[in-house]
Protein backbone atom coordinates (compact mmCIF):
# COMPACT_ATOMS: atom_id res chain seq x y z
CA UNK A 1 3.29 3.99 31.92
CA UNK A 2 1.53 2.81 28.97
CA UNK A 3 1.14 5.01 25.96
CA UNK A 4 -2.56 6.24 25.38
CA UNK A 5 -2.55 4.59 21.69
CA UNK A 6 0.15 3.55 19.40
CA UNK A 7 -0.10 3.55 15.81
CA UNK A 8 1.81 0.86 13.56
CA UNK A 9 2.32 2.12 10.01
CA UNK A 10 3.27 5.33 8.40
CA UNK A 11 1.34 5.38 5.11
CA UNK A 12 -1.75 7.68 4.72
CA UNK A 13 -3.62 5.80 7.12
CA UNK A 14 -0.79 5.88 9.66
CA UNK A 15 -0.22 9.41 9.07
CA UNK A 16 -3.95 10.25 9.06
CA UNK A 17 -4.71 8.38 12.22
CA UNK A 18 -1.69 10.12 13.95
CA UNK A 19 -2.87 13.46 13.08
CA UNK A 20 -6.41 13.10 14.23
CA UNK A 21 -5.08 11.28 17.62
CA UNK A 22 -2.68 14.19 18.31
CA UNK A 23 -5.52 16.72 17.79
CA UNK A 24 -7.40 14.80 20.48
CA UNK A 25 -4.43 15.23 22.94
CA UNK A 26 -3.78 11.50 22.71
CA UNK A 27 -0.23 11.97 22.22
CA UNK A 28 0.07 8.93 19.70
CA UNK A 29 3.34 7.15 19.37
CA UNK A 30 3.83 6.14 15.76
CA UNK A 31 6.29 3.02 14.98
CA UNK A 32 6.70 3.96 11.29
CA UNK A 33 8.84 0.90 9.88
CA UNK A 34 12.06 0.94 8.10
CA UNK A 35 13.51 0.44 4.51
CA UNK A 36 14.80 -2.91 5.06
CA UNK A 37 11.65 -4.27 6.59
CA UNK A 38 8.01 -4.97 4.87
CA UNK A 39 6.69 -1.81 6.37
CA UNK A 40 8.54 0.75 4.33
CA UNK A 41 8.09 4.38 5.99
CA UNK A 42 5.64 6.23 3.89
CA UNK A 43 3.79 3.20 2.53
CA UNK A 44 3.55 2.30 -1.07
CA UNK A 45 3.44 6.04 -1.92
CA UNK A 46 6.83 5.90 -1.41
CA UNK A 47 7.36 4.04 -4.81
CA UNK A 48 5.06 6.53 -6.47
CA UNK A 49 6.50 9.55 -8.62
CA UNK A 50 3.11 11.32 -9.45
CA UNK A 51 0.04 11.62 -7.34
CA UNK A 52 -2.81 13.23 -9.31
CA UNK A 53 -6.01 11.59 -7.55
CA UNK A 54 -5.83 12.94 -4.08
CA UNK A 55 -8.07 15.85 -3.05
CA UNK A 56 -6.05 19.20 -2.56
CA UNK A 57 -3.52 18.62 -4.89
CA UNK A 58 -4.31 20.18 -8.33
CA UNK A 59 -1.10 19.98 -9.96
CA UNK A 60 -0.32 16.67 -8.52
CA UNK A 61 2.53 15.87 -6.09
CA UNK A 62 5.15 13.01 -5.74
CA UNK A 63 4.28 10.04 -3.21
CA UNK A 64 7.46 10.88 -1.01
CA UNK A 65 6.59 14.72 -0.94
CA UNK A 66 2.92 13.85 0.07
CA UNK A 67 3.98 11.66 3.02
CA UNK A 68 6.35 13.93 4.38
CA UNK A 69 3.59 16.71 4.49
CA UNK A 70 1.32 14.19 6.20
CA UNK A 71 4.17 13.39 8.54
CA UNK A 72 5.16 16.89 9.62
CA UNK A 73 1.36 17.89 10.02
CA UNK A 74 1.25 15.12 12.41
CA UNK A 75 4.13 15.83 14.29
CA UNK A 76 3.06 19.54 14.60
CA UNK A 77 0.04 18.70 16.50
CA UNK A 78 1.95 16.34 18.83
CA UNK A 79 2.39 13.02 17.36
CA UNK A 80 5.53 11.26 18.16
CA UNK A 81 7.65 8.77 16.20
CA UNK A 82 9.40 5.65 17.99
CA UNK A 83 13.06 6.11 17.24
CA UNK A 84 16.29 3.99 18.27
CA UNK A 85 16.58 6.55 21.17
CA UNK A 86 13.13 6.43 22.20
CA UNK A 87 10.01 8.69 21.15
CA UNK A 88 10.65 11.78 19.44
CA UNK A 89 8.38 14.54 18.51
CA UNK A 90 10.37 16.17 15.92
CA UNK A 91 12.06 14.87 12.72
CA UNK A 92 14.40 16.78 10.46
CA UNK A 93 12.45 18.65 7.77
CA UNK A 94 14.34 16.85 5.19
CA UNK A 95 11.77 16.42 2.71
CA UNK A 96 12.88 13.11 1.60
CA UNK A 97 12.78 10.61 4.81
CA UNK A 98 16.66 10.61 5.12
CA UNK A 99 16.30 9.84 8.78
CA UNK A 100 14.21 6.64 8.81
CA UNK A 101 17.55 4.46 9.58
CA UNK A 102 16.64 5.66 13.31
CA UNK A 103 13.04 4.77 12.98
CA UNK A 104 12.01 1.62 14.90
CA UNK A 105 9.95 -1.08 13.22
CA UNK A 106 7.58 -3.63 14.98
CA UNK A 107 9.07 -6.87 15.53
CA UNK A 108 5.93 -8.78 17.18
CA UNK A 109 2.87 -7.52 19.58
CA UNK A 110 0.83 -9.36 22.18
CA UNK A 111 -2.73 -8.46 21.99
CA UNK A 112 -4.61 -11.52 23.52
CA UNK A 113 -4.24 -10.33 26.91
CA UNK A 114 -6.41 -7.30 26.47
CA UNK A 115 -5.40 -3.66 27.29
CA UNK A 116 -2.77 -2.63 27.95
CA UNK A 117 -1.29 -4.06 24.83
CA UNK A 118 2.20 -4.57 24.35
CA UNK A 119 4.03 -3.62 21.06
CA UNK A 120 8.05 -5.05 20.92
CA UNK A 121 9.92 -2.69 18.73
CA UNK A 122 12.77 -4.51 16.54
CA UNK A 123 15.33 -3.74 19.31
CA UNK A 124 12.92 -5.58 21.63
CA UNK A 125 12.03 -2.62 23.71
CA UNK A 126 8.42 -3.38 24.98
CA UNK A 127 6.03 -0.41 24.49
CA UNK A 128 2.66 -0.72 26.52
CA UNK A 129 -0.39 1.09 25.07
CA UNK A 130 -4.18 1.41 26.02
CA UNK A 131 -5.20 1.15 22.29
CA UNK A 132 -3.39 0.18 19.05
CA UNK A 133 -4.07 1.11 15.27
CA UNK A 134 -2.73 -1.24 13.00
CA UNK A 135 -1.85 0.40 9.63
CA UNK A 136 0.67 -1.44 8.01
CA UNK A 137 -0.52 -1.49 4.64
CA UNK A 138 0.10 -4.05 1.87
CA UNK A 139 2.84 -4.62 -0.86
CA UNK A 140 2.19 -5.25 -4.59
CA UNK A 141 3.45 -8.18 -5.59
CA UNK A 142 5.68 -8.24 -8.80
CA UNK A 143 7.20 -10.70 -11.27
CA UNK A 144 10.59 -10.56 -9.40
CA UNK A 145 12.67 -9.46 -12.44
CA UNK A 146 15.80 -7.36 -12.25
CA UNK A 147 14.53 -5.58 -15.21
CA UNK A 148 11.20 -4.92 -13.38
CA UNK A 149 12.97 -3.32 -10.47
CA UNK A 150 15.21 -1.23 -12.85
CA UNK A 151 12.27 0.49 -14.49
CA UNK A 152 9.87 1.01 -11.47
CA UNK A 153 8.14 4.16 -11.57
CA UNK A 154 9.63 4.59 -15.01
CA UNK A 155 6.89 2.83 -16.78
CA UNK A 156 6.56 -0.55 -14.40
CA UNK A 157 3.42 0.01 -11.96
CA UNK A 158 1.25 -2.11 -9.81
CA UNK A 159 -1.73 0.40 -9.83
CA UNK A 160 -3.77 1.34 -13.16
CA UNK A 161 -6.22 3.72 -11.04
CA UNK A 162 -2.96 5.48 -9.57
CA UNK A 163 -0.84 6.03 -12.66
CA UNK A 164 -2.99 5.02 -15.78
CA UNK A 165 -4.10 8.65 -16.88
CA UNK A 166 -0.53 9.92 -16.69
CA UNK A 167 0.83 11.22 -20.02
CA UNK A 168 3.44 8.44 -20.17
CA UNK A 169 0.51 5.85 -20.81
CA UNK A 170 -1.82 8.04 -22.94
CA UNK A 171 -2.49 6.91 -26.38
CA UNK A 172 0.21 4.41 -26.03
CA UNK A 173 0.17 0.69 -26.02
CA UNK A 174 0.68 -0.96 -22.50
CA UNK A 175 1.06 -4.35 -20.91
CA UNK A 176 -1.04 -5.69 -18.09
CA UNK A 177 0.34 -9.10 -16.45
CA UNK A 178 -2.21 -11.51 -14.66
CA UNK A 179 -5.34 -13.47 -15.38
CA UNK A 180 -7.66 -12.93 -12.27
CA UNK A 181 -10.31 -10.16 -11.71
CA UNK A 182 -7.96 -7.73 -10.90
CA UNK A 183 -6.12 -7.97 -14.03
CA UNK A 184 -9.03 -7.54 -16.13
CA UNK A 185 -10.02 -4.67 -14.13
CA UNK A 186 -6.59 -3.22 -14.49
CA UNK A 187 -6.61 -3.57 -18.39
CA UNK A 188 -10.16 -2.55 -18.79
CA UNK A 189 -9.57 0.54 -16.89
CA UNK A 190 -6.19 1.30 -18.62
CA UNK A 191 -8.18 0.91 -22.10
CA UNK A 192 -9.83 4.26 -21.45
CA UNK A 193 -6.47 6.01 -21.84
CA UNK A 194 -3.96 3.76 -23.92
CA UNK A 195 -3.83 3.25 -27.58
CA UNK A 196 -4.17 -0.90 -26.88
CA UNK A 197 -3.75 -2.95 -23.79
CA UNK A 198 -1.72 -6.29 -24.07
CA UNK A 199 -3.16 -8.55 -21.44
CA UNK A 200 -0.47 -11.40 -20.64
CA UNK A 201 -1.41 -14.66 -19.07
CA UNK A 202 0.56 -18.01 -18.42
CA UNK A 203 -2.22 -20.15 -19.29
CA UNK A 204 -4.99 -20.49 -22.07
CA UNK A 205 -7.82 -19.69 -19.57
CA UNK A 206 -8.41 -16.46 -17.59
CA UNK A 207 -9.09 -17.10 -13.96
CA UNK A 208 -11.18 -14.04 -14.00
CA UNK A 209 -14.86 -14.47 -13.39
CA UNK A 210 -17.38 -14.95 -16.01
CA UNK A 211 -18.59 -11.59 -16.34
CA UNK A 212 -15.30 -10.01 -16.13
CA UNK A 213 -13.75 -12.43 -18.87
CA UNK A 214 -16.71 -11.26 -20.99
CA UNK A 215 -15.46 -7.61 -20.39
CA UNK A 216 -11.94 -8.56 -21.88
CA UNK A 217 -13.32 -10.29 -24.94
CA UNK A 218 -15.49 -7.99 -25.82
CA UNK A 219 -13.28 -4.68 -25.38
CA UNK A 220 -11.98 -3.98 -28.81
CA UNK A 221 -8.50 -2.34 -27.12
CA UNK A 222 -7.59 -5.67 -25.31
CA UNK A 223 -5.50 -8.26 -27.02
CA UNK A 224 -4.77 -11.19 -25.05
CA UNK A 225 -1.45 -13.14 -25.21
CA UNK A 226 -1.87 -16.86 -23.94
CA UNK A 227 0.53 -19.05 -22.52
CA UNK A 228 2.83 -16.15 -22.12
CA UNK A 229 5.06 -14.65 -19.36
CA UNK A 230 7.21 -11.85 -19.11
CA UNK A 231 10.71 -12.66 -19.53
CA UNK A 232 12.50 -9.10 -19.39
CA UNK A 233 11.10 -5.44 -19.39
CA UNK A 234 12.75 -3.42 -22.13
CA UNK A 235 13.67 -0.07 -21.97
CA UNK A 236 16.41 2.83 -21.54
CA UNK A 237 17.33 5.47 -19.16
CA UNK A 238 15.60 8.40 -21.28
CA UNK A 239 12.37 6.85 -22.19
CA UNK A 240 11.87 4.39 -19.37
CA UNK A 241 10.00 1.04 -20.38
CA UNK A 242 9.77 0.76 -24.17
CA UNK A 243 8.38 -2.77 -24.17
CA UNK A 244 8.48 -6.20 -23.14
CA UNK A 245 10.11 -9.53 -23.96
CA UNK A 246 7.30 -12.49 -23.66
CA UNK A 247 8.34 -15.97 -23.10
CA UNK A 248 6.00 -18.80 -24.38
CA UNK A 249 4.88 -21.51 -21.94
CA UNK A 250 4.14 -24.01 -24.54
CA UNK A 251 7.38 -23.91 -26.53
CA UNK A 252 6.40 -21.35 -29.16
CA UNK A 253 9.30 -18.80 -30.14
CA UNK A 254 9.88 -15.61 -28.18
CA UNK A 255 7.95 -12.56 -29.07
CA UNK A 256 8.48 -8.79 -28.13
CA UNK A 257 5.72 -6.25 -27.67
CA UNK A 258 6.08 -2.41 -28.12
CA UNK A 259 4.82 -0.80 -24.70
CA UNK A 260 5.24 2.44 -22.86
CA UNK A 261 4.62 0.51 -19.60
CA UNK A 262 4.04 -2.70 -17.77
CA UNK A 263 1.32 -3.13 -15.00
CA UNK A 264 1.85 -5.99 -12.58
CA UNK A 265 -1.53 -7.22 -11.71
CA UNK A 266 -1.04 -10.60 -9.52
CA UNK A 267 -2.21 -9.44 -6.26
CA UNK A 268 -1.32 -7.96 -3.12
CA UNK A 269 0.25 -9.38 0.21
CA UNK A 270 -0.67 -7.63 3.64
CA UNK A 271 1.90 -6.84 5.94
CA UNK A 272 0.43 -8.66 8.84
CA UNK A 273 3.27 -11.33 9.39
CA UNK A 274 4.29 -9.56 12.25
CA UNK A 275 0.86 -10.55 14.00
CA UNK A 276 1.32 -13.99 14.57
CA UNK A 277 -2.16 -15.21 15.05
CA UNK A 278 -2.92 -11.98 17.30
CA UNK A 279 -5.79 -10.51 15.50
CA UNK A 280 -8.37 -12.54 12.90
CA UNK A 281 -7.32 -12.39 9.42
CA UNK A 282 -9.48 -13.35 6.20
CA UNK A 283 -8.53 -15.85 3.89
CA UNK A 284 -6.29 -13.31 2.00
CA UNK A 285 -4.44 -12.64 4.99
CA UNK A 286 -6.07 -9.26 5.50
CA UNK A 287 -7.18 -7.91 8.99
CA UNK A 288 -11.04 -8.83 9.39
CA UNK A 289 -13.03 -5.93 10.41
CA UNK A 290 -15.81 -7.03 12.81
CA UNK A 291 -18.34 -4.26 12.57
CA UNK A 292 -19.55 -2.35 9.34
CA UNK A 293 -18.42 1.12 9.12
CA UNK A 294 -16.09 0.85 11.95
CA UNK A 295 -12.49 -0.07 12.27
CA UNK A 296 -12.95 -2.75 15.10
CA UNK A 297 -10.95 -6.08 14.99
CA UNK A 298 -11.46 -9.16 16.71
CA UNK A 299 -9.56 -7.48 19.76
CA UNK A 300 -11.42 -4.85 21.46
CA UNK A 301 -9.25 -1.83 21.72
CA UNK A 302 -7.31 -2.73 18.44
CA UNK A 303 -8.30 -1.04 15.40
CA UNK A 304 -7.40 -1.20 11.84
CA UNK A 305 -6.78 1.13 8.90
CA UNK A 306 -5.83 1.43 5.34
CA UNK A 307 -4.89 -1.35 3.00
CA UNK A 308 -3.81 -3.64 5.92
CA UNK A 309 -7.77 -4.14 5.93
CA UNK A 310 -8.86 -3.21 2.85
CA UNK A 311 -8.49 -5.45 -0.19
CA UNK A 312 -10.75 -3.83 -2.68
CA UNK A 313 -9.99 0.07 -2.96
CA UNK A 314 -6.56 0.19 -1.98
CA UNK A 315 -6.36 3.80 -2.62
CA UNK A 316 -4.42 6.73 -0.82
CA UNK A 317 -7.60 8.88 0.01
CA UNK A 318 -9.63 5.60 1.17
CA UNK A 319 -6.77 4.73 3.65
CA UNK A 320 -6.62 8.09 4.73
CA UNK A 321 -10.23 8.24 5.49
CA UNK A 322 -9.90 4.75 7.64
CA UNK A 323 -7.11 6.47 9.43
CA UNK A 324 -9.10 9.20 10.70
CA UNK A 325 -12.03 6.58 11.36
CA UNK A 326 -9.47 4.54 13.60
CA UNK A 327 -8.10 7.45 15.35
CA UNK A 328 -11.92 8.75 16.18
CA UNK A 329 -12.76 4.75 17.18
CA UNK A 330 -9.86 4.80 19.23
CA UNK A 331 -10.60 8.23 20.92
CA UNK A 332 -13.98 6.95 21.90
CA UNK A 333 -12.68 3.84 23.18
CA UNK A 334 -10.17 5.19 25.58
CA UNK A 335 -12.61 7.85 26.77
CA UNK A 336 -15.37 5.30 27.81
CA UNK A 337 -12.54 3.51 30.04
CA UNK A 338 -11.38 7.17 31.60
CA UNK A 339 -8.20 7.60 29.26
CA UNK A 340 -8.05 10.82 28.17
């Protein structure tokens, strides 16, 4: 028998969609992902040590803790998780996602034939569903340095809006890597908190739009380092990031900059590889939504929520909001077809 709704992904969008679908008595089945895949259970918040801008947490919360709360709330109302042993309605209240090695990822999907749709787990089990919500998120692009990974969440970040106001960065120098609009936006935002922002770009000219370039040039707290790339992130176990070593792309000597943090602003990659042409994507690889203020995709009965369809806001609260929207859209779609 086909599931009423399958949700692919378990970040803020996925678990919010699961909560709303569960409360609508749809018994949603969630494919959360697994650590070895591109779809990490819990999404990007699993890499975030402090969340201070999500409503309802006046004292802040860690990313993993918040995702545990969202997961437990969805399960409480009847959501289920696809595991190696089949659907489960309860998961140990571990608080640290220590049971994810049993959770199933999605290998591929078949949407083209219409409802019921088929979702294949990484064990190749086929699950049919009358409706599907894709909430697989996007992953930040990093430089790929070993030292960068060493200090992830200890001064290395890919989200200024998420982390820029933290005490670690306030009134201290920080580094932003990139040369496009996103990099200038990140640098400009960080200038509100940091003592100075070092914008590092591998070329002699920014790729950002002219208006964004003017903002960078006119901001007295921004210093641009041309023709430079980060060779190494410096730091220690006690303080985290303490600086970066810059290498020249035009043969000039190396230079080291003191900094309390480094922000990678070189884009994001949506987790849409598994779709394999099943949905229309935009030029950046994000799922294309077909109707304003709705979560409709190019296939009727398939909905998208969160960062997998959002290359602009990319916030936990906006992801959760679209998760709610996708669940409501799916519920109405199913009700119109007599599926309750």
